[in-house]
Amino acid sequence: ILWMVVPFGLSANVLFPVATVVGERLLYLPSAGYCMILSWFLMSPTSPLTRWMNQNAHKQNALEQNAPNQNALMRCLLAATICVFYAARTYVRVPVWRSTLRLFEEHVL
């Protein structure tokens, strides 16, 4: 969480005035922290998602023997869904960067 809070706090004009506007260039390091938290949530054995999936796997384990494979499939589908969502957002955002005027209009107006 510190990977998100500390870099953003230093550039957000909260602790002291910084002579710049918060933009995408200043959010690069906080977004790395966001990605770390998201990957921990998806893959770590101690994450809430893993505990929830293990509880459901124990309930279904009496009926089926391939519950761990279902957990892996569920994680992969969730990660793929997140990747597709952010890829679509990136695709929508790219035309704004084609000209300086368009970028200015997008952020000011």
PDB file of N, CA and C in Angstrom:
ATOM      1  N   ILE A   1       0.835  -1.188   0.000  1.00  0.00           N
ATOM      2  CA  ILE A   1       0.000   0.000   0.000  1.00  0.00           C
ATOM      3  C   ILE A   1       0.880   1.250   0.000  1.00  0.00           C
ATOM      4  N   LEU A   2       2.054   1.142   0.628  1.00  0.00           N
ATOM      5  CA  LEU A   2       2.953   2.295   0.645  1.00  0.00           C
ATOM      6  C   LEU A   2       3.426   2.663  -0.759  1.00  0.00           C
ATOM      7  N   TRP A   3       3.480   1.669  -1.668  1.00  0.00           N
ATOM      8  CA  TRP A   3       3.865   1.957  -3.051  1.00  0.00           C
ATOM      9  C   TRP A   3       2.847   2.869  -3.719  1.00  0.00           C
ATOM     10  N   MET A   4       1.630   2.884  -3.229  1.00  0.00           N
ATOM     11  CA  MET A   4       0.602   3.756  -3.793  1.00  0.00           C
ATOM     12  C   MET A   4       0.544   5.092  -3.052  1.00  0.00           C
ATOM     13  N   VAL A   5       0.578   5.040  -1.736  1.00  0.00           N
ATOM     14  CA  VAL A   5       0.329   6.223  -0.910  1.00  0.00           C
ATOM     15  C   VAL A   5       1.495   7.202  -0.923  1.00  0.00           C
ATOM     16  N   VAL A   6       2.713   6.709  -0.733  1.00  0.00           N
ATOM     17  CA  VAL A   6       3.861   7.605  -0.611  1.00  0.00           C
ATOM     18  C   VAL A   6       4.124   8.385  -1.906  1.00  0.00           C
ATOM     19  N   PRO A   7       4.246   7.735  -3.069  1.00  0.00           N
ATOM     20  CA  PRO A   7       4.499   8.536  -4.279  1.00  0.00           C
ATOM     21  C   PRO A   7       3.354   9.488  -4.620  1.00  0.00           C
ATOM     22  N   PHE A   8       2.127   9.046  -4.412  1.00  0.00           N
ATOM     23  CA  PHE A   8       1.002   9.917  -4.702  1.00  0.00           C
ATOM     24  C   PHE A   8       0.944  11.078  -3.720  1.00  0.00           C
ATOM     25  N   GLY A   9       1.227  10.806  -2.457  1.00  0.00           N
ATOM     26  CA  GLY A   9       1.206  11.864  -1.449  1.00  0.00           C
ATOM     27  C   GLY A   9       2.246  12.945  -1.695  1.00  0.00           C
ATOM     28  N   LEU A  10       3.405  12.545  -2.228  1.00  0.00           N
ATOM     29  CA  LEU A  10       4.459  13.519  -2.507  1.00  0.00           C
ATOM     30  C   LEU A  10       4.123  14.423  -3.689  1.00  0.00           C
ATOM     31  N   SER A  11       3.352  13.918  -4.635  1.00  0.00           N
ATOM     32  CA  SER A  11       3.069  14.716  -5.830  1.00  0.00           C
ATOM     33  C   SER A  11       1.647  15.271  -5.875  1.00  0.00           C
ATOM     34  N   ALA A  12       0.856  15.072  -4.854  1.00  0.00           N
ATOM     35  CA  ALA A  12      -0.548  15.472  -4.889  1.00  0.00           C
ATOM     36  C   ALA A  12      -0.829  16.824  -4.247  1.00  0.00           C
ATOM     37  N   ASN A  13       0.204  17.578  -3.903  1.00  0.00           N
ATOM     38  CA  ASN A  13       0.040  18.883  -3.269  1.00  0.00           C
ATOM     39  C   ASN A  13      -0.684  18.793  -1.928  1.00  0.00           C
ATOM     40  N   VAL A  14      -0.545  17.681  -1.244  1.00  0.00           N
ATOM     41  CA  VAL A  14      -1.202  17.512   0.046  1.00  0.00           C
ATOM     42  C   VAL A  14      -0.257  17.891   1.179  1.00  0.00           C
ATOM     43  N   LEU A  15       0.947  17.336   1.177  1.00  0.00           N
ATOM     44  CA  LEU A  15       1.901  17.614   2.251  1.00  0.00           C
ATOM     45  C   LEU A  15       2.552  18.988   2.108  1.00  0.00           C
ATOM     46  N   PHE A  16       2.891  19.333   0.884  1.00  0.00           N
ATOM     47  CA  PHE A  16       3.504  20.618   0.592  1.00  0.00           C
ATOM     48  C   PHE A  16       3.211  20.942  -0.866  1.00  0.00           C
ATOM     49  N   PRO A  17       3.182  22.218  -1.220  1.00  0.00           N
ATOM     50  CA  PRO A  17       2.848  22.573  -2.602  1.00  0.00           C
ATOM     51  C   PRO A  17       3.948  22.160  -3.584  1.00  0.00           C
ATOM     52  N   VAL A  18       3.533  21.528  -4.629  1.00  0.00           N
ATOM     53  CA  VAL A  18       4.420  21.133  -5.707  1.00  0.00           C
ATOM     54  C   VAL A  18       3.980  21.921  -6.930  1.00  0.00           C
ATOM     55  N   ALA A  19       4.925  22.460  -7.637  1.00  0.00           N
ATOM     56  CA  ALA A  19       4.584  23.349  -8.745  1.00  0.00           C
ATOM     57  C   ALA A  19       4.271  22.572 -10.016  1.00  0.00           C
ATOM     58  N   THR A  20       3.403  21.598  -9.907  1.00  0.00           N
ATOM     59  CA  THR A  20       3.009  20.825 -11.081  1.00  0.00           C
ATOM     60  C   THR A  20       1.600  20.283 -10.895  1.00  0.00           C
ATOM     61  N   VAL A  21       0.990  19.929 -11.976  1.00  0.00           N
ATOM     62  CA  VAL A  21      -0.350  19.353 -11.953  1.00  0.00           C
ATOM     63  C   VAL A  21      -0.219  17.837 -11.922  1.00  0.00           C
ATOM     64  N   VAL A  22      -1.055  17.201 -11.122  1.00  0.00           N
ATOM     65  CA  VAL A  22      -1.031  15.742 -11.072  1.00  0.00           C
ATOM     66  C   VAL A  22      -1.515  15.220 -12.413  1.00  0.00           C
ATOM     67  N   GLY A  23      -0.665  14.475 -13.067  1.00  0.00           N
ATOM     68  CA  GLY A  23      -1.000  13.919 -14.371  1.00  0.00           C
ATOM     69  C   GLY A  23      -0.575  12.462 -14.440  1.00  0.00           C
ATOM     70  N   GLU A  24      -0.736  11.902 -15.610  1.00  0.00           N
ATOM     71  CA  GLU A  24      -0.414  10.498 -15.787  1.00  0.00           C
ATOM     72  C   GLU A  24       1.064  10.214 -15.528  1.00  0.00           C
ATOM     73  N   ARG A  25       1.934  11.172 -15.808  1.00  0.00           N
ATOM     74  CA  ARG A  25       3.359  10.950 -15.608  1.00  0.00           C
ATOM     75  C   ARG A  25       3.712  10.810 -14.134  1.00  0.00           C
ATOM     76  N   LEU A  26       2.917  11.423 -13.250  1.00  0.00           N
ATOM     77  CA  LEU A  26       3.172  11.323 -11.821  1.00  0.00           C
ATOM     78  C   LEU A  26       2.483  10.120 -11.184  1.00  0.00           C
ATOM     79  N   LEU A  27       1.615   9.471 -11.911  1.00  0.00           N
ATOM     80  CA  LEU A  27       0.875   8.335 -11.361  1.00  0.00           C
ATOM     81  C   LEU A  27       1.474   6.991 -11.764  1.00  0.00           C
ATOM     82  N   TYR A  28       2.660   7.015 -12.396  1.00  0.00           N
ATOM     83  CA  TYR A  28       3.289   5.770 -12.839  1.00  0.00           C
ATOM     84  C   TYR A  28       3.664   4.881 -11.656  1.00  0.00           C
ATOM     85  N   LEU A  29       4.361   5.419 -10.667  1.00  0.00           N
ATOM     86  CA  LEU A  29       4.774   4.625  -9.510  1.00  0.00           C
ATOM     87  C   LEU A  29       3.580   4.188  -8.655  1.00  0.00           C
ATOM     88  N   PRO A  30       2.593   5.055  -8.379  1.00  0.00           N
ATOM     89  CA  PRO A  30       1.415   4.564  -7.655  1.00  0.00           C
ATOM     90  C   PRO A  30       0.674   3.461  -8.411  1.00  0.00           C
ATOM     91  N   SER A  31       0.687   3.498  -9.750  1.00  0.00           N
ATOM     92  CA  SER A  31       0.019   2.429 -10.492  1.00  0.00           C
ATOM     93  C   SER A  31       0.786   1.115 -10.366  1.00  0.00           C
ATOM     94  N   ALA A  32       2.098   1.179 -10.176  1.00  0.00           N
ATOM     95  CA  ALA A  32       2.870  -0.041  -9.914  1.00  0.00           C
ATOM     96  C   ALA A  32       2.435  -0.643  -8.579  1.00  0.00           C
ATOM     97  N   GLY A  33       2.205   0.202  -7.587  1.00  0.00           N
ATOM     98  CA  GLY A  33       1.698  -0.287  -6.302  1.00  0.00           C
ATOM     99  C   GLY A  33       0.323  -0.913  -6.444  1.00  0.00           C
ATOM    100  N   TYR A  34      -0.525  -0.302  -7.261  1.00  0.00           N
ATOM    101  CA  TYR A  34      -1.851  -0.866  -7.525  1.00  0.00           C
ATOM    102  C   TYR A  34      -1.731  -2.249  -8.162  1.00  0.00           C
ATOM    103  N   CYS A  35      -0.815  -2.394  -9.114  1.00  0.00           N
ATOM    104  CA  CYS A  35      -0.614  -3.694  -9.767  1.00  0.00           C
ATOM    105  C   CYS A  35      -0.093  -4.740  -8.790  1.00  0.00           C
ATOM    106  N   MET A  36       0.775  -4.324  -7.866  1.00  0.00           N
ATOM    107  CA  MET A  36       1.274  -5.263  -6.853  1.00  0.00           C
ATOM    108  C   MET A  36       0.145  -5.740  -5.947  1.00  0.00           C
ATOM    109  N   ILE A  37      -0.709  -4.821  -5.523  1.00  0.00           N
ATOM    110  CA  ILE A  37      -1.827  -5.208  -4.660  1.00  0.00           C
ATOM    111  C   ILE A  37      -2.784  -6.127  -5.411  1.00  0.00           C
ATOM    112  N   LEU A  38      -3.056  -5.813  -6.659  1.00  0.00           N
ATOM    113  CA  LEU A  38      -3.955  -6.640  -7.458  1.00  0.00           C
ATOM    114  C   LEU A  38      -3.386  -8.033  -7.678  1.00  0.00           C
ATOM    115  N   SER A  39      -2.094  -8.128  -7.966  1.00  0.00           N
ATOM    116  CA  SER A  39      -1.492  -9.448  -8.162  1.00  0.00           C
ATOM    117  C   SER A  39      -1.464 -10.233  -6.857  1.00  0.00           C
ATOM    118  N   TRP A  40      -1.231  -9.569  -5.733  1.00  0.00           N
ATOM    119  CA  TRP A  40      -1.293 -10.262  -4.448  1.00  0.00           C
ATOM    120  C   TRP A  40      -2.700 -10.797  -4.213  1.00  0.00           C
ATOM    121  N   PHE A  41      -3.700  -9.968  -4.515  1.00  0.00           N
ATOM    122  CA  PHE A  41      -5.086 -10.370  -4.304  1.00  0.00           C
ATOM    123  C   PHE A  41      -5.444 -11.588  -5.162  1.00  0.00           C
ATOM    124  N   LEU A  42      -4.889 -11.655  -6.374  1.00  0.00           N
ATOM    125  CA  LEU A  42      -5.213 -12.759  -7.270  1.00  0.00           C
ATOM    126  C   LEU A  42      -4.422 -14.029  -6.977  1.00  0.00           C
ATOM    127  N   MET A  43      -3.170 -13.902  -6.552  1.00  0.00           N
ATOM    128  CA  MET A  43      -2.294 -15.067  -6.524  1.00  0.00           C
ATOM    129  C   MET A  43      -1.791 -15.504  -5.157  1.00  0.00           C
ATOM    130  N   SER A  44      -1.816 -14.660  -4.171  1.00  0.00           N
ATOM    131  CA  SER A  44      -1.229 -15.007  -2.880  1.00  0.00           C
ATOM    132  C   SER A  44      -2.092 -16.008  -2.110  1.00  0.00           C
ATOM    133  N   PRO A  45      -1.453 -16.968  -1.435  1.00  0.00           N
ATOM    134  CA  PRO A  45      -2.227 -17.919  -0.625  1.00  0.00           C
ATOM    135  C   PRO A  45      -2.897 -17.275   0.583  1.00  0.00           C
ATOM    136  N   THR A  46      -2.469 -16.088   0.967  1.00  0.00           N
ATOM    137  CA  THR A  46      -3.067 -15.430   2.141  1.00  0.00           C
ATOM    138  C   THR A  46      -4.092 -14.367   1.779  1.00  0.00           C
ATOM    139  N   SER A  47      -4.414 -14.224   0.499  1.00  0.00           N
ATOM    140  CA  SER A  47      -5.361 -13.183   0.098  1.00  0.00           C
ATOM    141  C   SER A  47      -6.799 -13.601   0.402  1.00  0.00           C
ATOM    142  N   PRO A  48      -7.698 -12.637   0.548  1.00  0.00           N
ATOM    143  CA  PRO A  48      -9.106 -12.956   0.801  1.00  0.00           C
ATOM    144  C   PRO A  48      -9.733 -13.783  -0.323  1.00  0.00           C
ATOM    145  N   LEU A  49      -9.326 -13.540  -1.564  1.00  0.00           N
ATOM    146  CA  LEU A  49      -9.856 -14.311  -2.689  1.00  0.00           C
ATOM    147  C   LEU A  49      -9.490 -15.783  -2.556  1.00  0.00           C
ATOM    148  N   THR A  50      -8.249 -16.066  -2.181  1.00  0.00           N
ATOM    149  CA  THR A  50      -7.808 -17.446  -2.022  1.00  0.00           C
ATOM    150  C   THR A  50      -8.563 -18.128  -0.892  1.00  0.00           C
ATOM    151  N   ARG A  51      -8.740 -17.423   0.221  1.00  0.00           N
ATOM    152  CA  ARG A  51      -9.501 -18.020   1.336  1.00  0.00           C
ATOM    153  C   ARG A  51     -10.933 -18.326   0.925  1.00  0.00           C
ATOM    154  N   TRP A  52     -11.550 -17.414   0.184  1.00  0.00           N
ATOM    155  CA  TRP A  52     -12.919 -17.635  -0.271  1.00  0.00           C
ATOM    156  C   TRP A  52     -12.992 -18.822  -1.223  1.00  0.00           C
ATOM    157  N   MET A  53     -12.025 -18.903  -2.137  1.00  0.00           N
ATOM    158  CA  MET A  53     -12.034 -20.012  -3.092  1.00  0.00           C
ATOM    159  C   MET A  53     -11.754 -21.338  -2.392  1.00  0.00           C
ATOM    160  N   ASN A  54     -10.907 -21.337  -1.366  1.00  0.00           N
ATOM    161  CA  ASN A  54     -10.631 -22.573  -0.629  1.00  0.00           C
ATOM    162  C   ASN A  54     -11.850 -23.040   0.150  1.00  0.00           C
ATOM    163  N   GLN A  55     -12.614 -22.110   0.698  1.00  0.00           N
ATOM    164  CA  GLN A  55     -13.837 -22.494   1.402  1.00  0.00           C
ATOM    165  C   GLN A  55     -14.812 -23.156   0.441  1.00  0.00           C
ATOM    166  N   ASN A  56     -14.975 -22.571  -0.746  1.00  0.00           N
ATOM    167  CA  ASN A  56     -15.871 -23.165  -1.737  1.00  0.00           C
ATOM    168  C   ASN A  56     -15.326 -24.484  -2.264  1.00  0.00           C
ATOM    169  N   ALA A  57     -14.005 -24.599  -2.374  1.00  0.00           N
ATOM    170  CA  ALA A  57     -13.404 -25.839  -2.861  1.00  0.00           C
ATOM    171  C   ALA A  57     -13.632 -26.966  -1.869  1.00  0.00           C
ATOM    172  N   HIS A  58     -13.548 -26.675  -0.572  1.00  0.00           N
ATOM    173  CA  HIS A  58     -13.786 -27.712   0.435  1.00  0.00           C
ATOM    174  C   HIS A  58     -15.233 -28.189   0.405  1.00  0.00           C
ATOM    175  N   LYS A  59     -16.154 -27.272   0.121  1.00  0.00           N
ATOM    176  CA  LYS A  59     -17.555 -27.668   0.019  1.00  0.00           C
ATOM    177  C   LYS A  59     -17.782 -28.561  -1.195  1.00  0.00           C
ATOM    178  N   GLN A  60     -17.111 -28.248  -2.297  1.00  0.00           N
ATOM    179  CA  GLN A  60     -17.300 -29.021  -3.529  1.00  0.00           C
ATOM    180  C   GLN A  60     -16.367 -30.223  -3.611  1.00  0.00           C
ATOM    181  N   ASN A  61     -15.378 -30.293  -2.745  1.00  0.00           N
ATOM    182  CA  ASN A  61     -14.387 -31.353  -2.831  1.00  0.00           C
ATOM    183  C   ASN A  61     -15.004 -32.725  -2.598  1.00  0.00           C
ATOM    184  N   ALA A  62     -16.041 -32.794  -1.805  1.00  0.00           N
ATOM    185  CA  ALA A  62     -16.696 -34.073  -1.583  1.00  0.00           C
ATOM    186  C   ALA A  62     -17.366 -34.566  -2.862  1.00  0.00           C
ATOM    187  N   LEU A  63     -17.782 -33.642  -3.713  1.00  0.00           N
ATOM    188  CA  LEU A  63     -18.463 -34.010  -4.947  1.00  0.00           C
ATOM    189  C   LEU A  63     -17.492 -34.205  -6.109  1.00  0.00           C
ATOM    190  N   GLU A  64     -16.455 -33.399  -6.162  1.00  0.00           N
ATOM    191  CA  GLU A  64     -15.541 -33.425  -7.303  1.00  0.00           C
ATOM    192  C   GLU A  64     -14.100 -33.470  -6.817  1.00  0.00           C
ATOM    193  N   GLN A  65     -13.245 -34.094  -7.579  1.00  0.00           N
ATOM    194  CA  GLN A  65     -11.837 -34.162  -7.228  1.00  0.00           C
ATOM    195  C   GLN A  65     -11.001 -33.084  -7.916  1.00  0.00           C
ATOM    196  N   ASN A  66     -11.557 -32.365  -8.888  1.00  0.00           N
ATOM    197  CA  ASN A  66     -10.774 -31.386  -9.635  1.00  0.00           C
ATOM    198  C   ASN A  66     -11.026 -29.954  -9.170  1.00  0.00           C
ATOM    199  N   ALA A  67     -11.305 -29.742  -7.890  1.00  0.00           N
ATOM    200  CA  ALA A  67     -11.542 -28.403  -7.363  1.00  0.00           C
ATOM    201  C   ALA A  67     -10.310 -27.500  -7.474  1.00  0.00           C
ATOM    202  N   PRO A  68      -9.065 -27.988  -7.218  1.00  0.00           N
ATOM    203  CA  PRO A  68      -7.912 -27.096  -7.397  1.00  0.00           C
ATOM    204  C   PRO A  68      -7.771 -26.600  -8.838  1.00  0.00           C
ATOM    205  N   ASN A  69      -8.111 -27.439  -9.827  1.00  0.00           N
ATOM    206  CA  ASN A  69      -8.053 -27.003 -11.217  1.00  0.00           C
ATOM    207  C   ASN A  69      -9.088 -25.911 -11.481  1.00  0.00           C
ATOM    208  N   GLN A  70     -10.233 -26.012 -10.846  1.00  0.00           N
ATOM    209  CA  GLN A  70     -11.256 -24.983 -11.000  1.00  0.00           C
ATOM    210  C   GLN A  70     -10.786 -23.666 -10.393  1.00  0.00           C
ATOM    211  N   ASN A  71     -10.064 -23.728  -9.256  1.00  0.00           N
ATOM    212  CA  ASN A  71      -9.530 -22.509  -8.655  1.00  0.00           C
ATOM    213  C   ASN A  71      -8.535 -21.837  -9.594  1.00  0.00           C
ATOM    214  N   ALA A  72      -7.645 -22.620 -10.190  1.00  0.00           N
ATOM    215  CA  ALA A  72      -6.669 -22.050 -11.124  1.00  0.00           C
ATOM    216  C   ALA A  72      -7.373 -21.456 -12.342  1.00  0.00           C
ATOM    217  N   LEU A  73      -8.374 -22.152 -12.844  1.00  0.00           N
ATOM    218  CA  LEU A  73      -9.125 -21.644 -13.991  1.00  0.00           C
ATOM    219  C   LEU A  73      -9.857 -20.355 -13.630  1.00  0.00           C
ATOM    220  N   MET A  74     -10.430 -20.308 -12.453  1.00  0.00           N
ATOM    221  CA  MET A  74     -11.153 -19.123 -12.013  1.00  0.00           C
ATOM    222  C   MET A  74     -10.206 -17.921 -11.881  1.00  0.00           C
ATOM    223  N   ARG A  75      -9.008 -18.147 -11.343  1.00  0.00           N
ATOM    224  CA  ARG A  75      -8.027 -17.062 -11.222  1.00  0.00           C
ATOM    225  C   ARG A  75      -7.587 -16.567 -12.595  1.00  0.00           C
ATOM    226  N   CYS A  76      -7.341 -17.504 -13.509  1.00  0.00           N
ATOM    227  CA  CYS A  76      -6.930 -17.110 -14.866  1.00  0.00           C
ATOM    228  C   CYS A  76      -8.030 -16.325 -15.571  1.00  0.00           C
ATOM    229  N   LEU A  77      -9.266 -16.746 -15.414  1.00  0.00           N
ATOM    230  CA  LEU A  77     -10.375 -16.015 -16.034  1.00  0.00           C
ATOM    231  C   LEU A  77     -10.532 -14.626 -15.433  1.00  0.00           C
ATOM    232  N   LEU A  78     -10.359 -14.516 -14.131  1.00  0.00           N
ATOM    233  CA  LEU A  78     -10.447 -13.217 -13.481  1.00  0.00           C
ATOM    234  C   LEU A  78      -9.312 -12.295 -13.945  1.00  0.00           C
ATOM    235  N   ALA A  79      -8.098 -12.819 -14.012  1.00  0.00           N
ATOM    236  CA  ALA A  79      -6.959 -12.022 -14.488  1.00  0.00           C
ATOM    237  C   ALA A  79      -7.156 -11.623 -15.950  1.00  0.00           C
ATOM    238  N   ALA A  80      -7.656 -12.532 -16.783  1.00  0.00           N
ATOM    239  CA  ALA A  80      -7.901 -12.213 -18.194  1.00  0.00           C
ATOM    240  C   ALA A  80      -8.980 -11.146 -18.333  1.00  0.00           C
ATOM    241  N   THR A  81     -10.004 -11.215 -17.511  1.00  0.00           N
ATOM    242  CA  THR A  81     -11.069 -10.208 -17.544  1.00  0.00           C
ATOM    243  C   THR A  81     -10.527  -8.832 -17.178  1.00  0.00           C
ATOM    244  N   ILE A  82      -9.693  -8.777 -16.163  1.00  0.00           N
ATOM    245  CA  ILE A  82      -9.089  -7.506 -15.760  1.00  0.00           C
ATOM    246  C   ILE A  82      -8.201  -6.962 -16.876  1.00  0.00           C
ATOM    247  N   CYS A  83      -7.405  -7.833 -17.502  1.00  0.00           N
ATOM    248  CA  CYS A  83      -6.527  -7.398 -18.608  1.00  0.00           C
ATOM    249  C   CYS A  83      -7.336  -6.872 -19.789  1.00  0.00           C
ATOM    250  N   VAL A  84      -8.425  -7.545 -20.132  1.00  0.00           N
ATOM    251  CA  VAL A  84      -9.265  -7.089 -21.243  1.00  0.00           C
ATOM    252  C   VAL A  84      -9.908  -5.747 -20.905  1.00  0.00           C
ATOM    253  N   PHE A  85     -10.346  -5.575 -19.665  1.00  0.00           N
ATOM    254  CA  PHE A  85     -10.938  -4.313 -19.249  1.00  0.00           C
ATOM    255  C   PHE A  85      -9.951  -3.159 -19.399  1.00  0.00           C
ATOM    256  N   TYR A  86      -8.727  -3.343 -18.896  1.00  0.00           N
ATOM    257  CA  TYR A  86      -7.743  -2.269 -18.984  1.00  0.00           C
ATOM    258  C   TYR A  86      -7.231  -2.070 -20.407  1.00  0.00           C
ATOM    259  N   ALA A  87      -7.184  -3.119 -21.204  1.00  0.00           N
ATOM    260  CA  ALA A  87      -6.813  -2.964 -22.613  1.00  0.00           C
ATOM    261  C   ALA A  87      -7.859  -2.134 -23.351  1.00  0.00           C
ATOM    262  N   ALA A  88      -9.125  -2.357 -23.040  1.00  0.00           N
ATOM    263  CA  ALA A  88     -10.192  -1.571 -23.669  1.00  0.00           C
ATOM    264  C   ALA A  88     -10.109  -0.108 -23.238  1.00  0.00           C
ATOM    265  N   ARG A  89      -9.821   0.139 -21.977  1.00  0.00           N
ATOM    266  CA  ARG A  89      -9.673   1.521 -21.506  1.00  0.00           C
ATOM    267  C   ARG A  89      -8.490   2.206 -22.179  1.00  0.00           C
ATOM    268  N   THR A  90      -7.404   1.468 -22.383  1.00  0.00           N
ATOM    269  CA  THR A  90      -6.243   2.023 -23.070  1.00  0.00           C
ATOM    270  C   THR A  90      -6.576   2.341 -24.515  1.00  0.00           C
ATOM    271  N   TYR A  91      -7.284   1.445 -25.170  1.00  0.00           N
ATOM    272  CA  TYR A  91      -7.667   1.644 -26.570  1.00  0.00           C
ATOM    273  C   TYR A  91      -8.537   2.897 -26.722  1.00  0.00           C
ATOM    274  N   VAL A  92      -9.418   3.123 -25.774  1.00  0.00           N
ATOM    275  CA  VAL A  92     -10.284   4.308 -25.820  1.00  0.00           C
ATOM    276  C   VAL A  92      -9.475   5.573 -25.541  1.00  0.00           C
ATOM    277  N   ARG A  93      -8.440   5.470 -24.750  1.00  0.00           N
ATOM    278  CA  ARG A  93      -7.650   6.638 -24.337  1.00  0.00           C
ATOM    279  C   ARG A  93      -6.611   7.069 -25.383  1.00  0.00           C
ATOM    280  N   VAL A  94      -6.168   6.172 -26.235  1.00  0.00           N
ATOM    281  CA  VAL A  94      -5.094   6.467 -27.190  1.00  0.00           C
ATOM    282  C   VAL A  94      -5.398   7.651 -28.110  1.00  0.00           C
ATOM    283  N   PRO A  95      -6.595   7.821 -28.660  1.00  0.00           N
ATOM    284  CA  PRO A  95      -6.825   8.962 -29.567  1.00  0.00           C
ATOM    285  C   PRO A  95      -6.603  10.326 -28.921  1.00  0.00           C
ATOM    286  N   VAL A  96      -6.700  10.422 -27.618  1.00  0.00           N
ATOM    287  CA  VAL A  96      -6.488  11.696 -26.942  1.00  0.00           C
ATOM    288  C   VAL A  96      -5.040  12.157 -27.119  1.00  0.00           C
ATOM    289  N   TRP A  97      -4.114  11.229 -27.263  1.00  0.00           N
ATOM    290  CA  TRP A  97      -2.695  11.555 -27.349  1.00  0.00           C
ATOM    291  C   TRP A  97      -2.246  11.883 -28.776  1.00  0.00           C
ATOM    292  N   ARG A  98      -3.124  11.917 -29.733  1.00  0.00           N
ATOM    293  CA  ARG A  98      -2.730  12.164 -31.125  1.00  0.00           C
ATOM    294  C   ARG A  98      -2.248  13.593 -31.362  1.00  0.00           C
ATOM    295  N   SER A  99      -2.780  14.550 -30.642  1.00  0.00           N
ATOM    296  CA  SER A  99      -2.327  15.931 -30.806  1.00  0.00           C
ATOM    297  C   SER A  99      -2.361  16.632 -29.454  1.00  0.00           C
ATOM    298  N   THR A 100      -1.560  17.665 -29.361  1.00  0.00           N
ATOM    299  CA  THR A 100      -1.500  18.441 -28.127  1.00  0.00           C
ATOM    300  C   THR A 100      -2.819  19.151 -27.868  1.00  0.00           C
ATOM    301  N   LEU A 101      -3.445  19.631 -28.930  1.00  0.00           N
ATOM    302  CA  LEU A 101      -4.724  20.321 -28.783  1.00  0.00           C
ATOM    303  C   LEU A 101      -5.800  19.384 -28.236  1.00  0.00           C
ATOM    304  N   ARG A 102      -5.860  18.186 -28.759  1.00  0.00           N
ATOM    305  CA  ARG A 102      -6.857  17.209 -28.293  1.00  0.00           C
ATOM    306  C   ARG A 102      -6.612  16.832 -26.833  1.00  0.00           C
ATOM    307  N   LEU A 103      -5.356  16.665 -26.462  1.00  0.00           N
ATOM    308  CA  LEU A 103      -5.020  16.354 -25.081  1.00  0.00           C
ATOM    309  C   LEU A 103      -5.419  17.505 -24.158  1.00  0.00           C
ATOM    310  N   PHE A 104      -5.150  18.727 -24.579  1.00  0.00           N
ATOM    311  CA  PHE A 104      -5.525  19.900 -23.799  1.00  0.00           C
ATOM    312  C   PHE A 104      -7.048  19.990 -23.652  1.00  0.00           C
ATOM    313  N   GLU A 105      -7.753  19.808 -24.746  1.00  0.00           N
ATOM    314  CA  GLU A 105      -9.220  19.874 -24.705  1.00  0.00           C
ATOM    315  C   GLU A 105      -9.805  18.798 -23.797  1.00  0.00           C
ATOM    316  N   GLU A 106      -9.228  17.631 -23.814  1.00  0.00           N
ATOM    317  CA  GLU A 106      -9.732  16.523 -22.997  1.00  0.00           C
ATOM    318  C   GLU A 106      -9.577  16.811 -21.509  1.00  0.00           C
ATOM    319  N   HIS A 107      -8.493  17.451 -21.133  1.00  0.00           N
ATOM    320  CA  HIS A 107      -8.219  17.657 -19.721  1.00  0.00           C
ATOM    321  C   HIS A 107      -8.766  18.972 -19.178  1.00  0.00           C
ATOM    322  N   VAL A 108      -8.913  19.965 -20.014  1.00  0.00           N
ATOM    323  CA  VAL A 108      -9.366  21.253 -19.526  1.00  0.00           C
ATOM    324  C   VAL A 108     -10.882  21.386 -19.652  1.00  0.00           C
ATOM    325  N   LEU A 109     -11.404  20.964 -20.756  1.00  0.00           N
ATOM    326  CA  LEU A 109     -12.836  21.106 -20.983  1.00  0.00           C
ATOM    327  C   LEU A 109     -13.534  19.927 -20.460  1.00  0.00           C
TER     328      LEU A 109
END
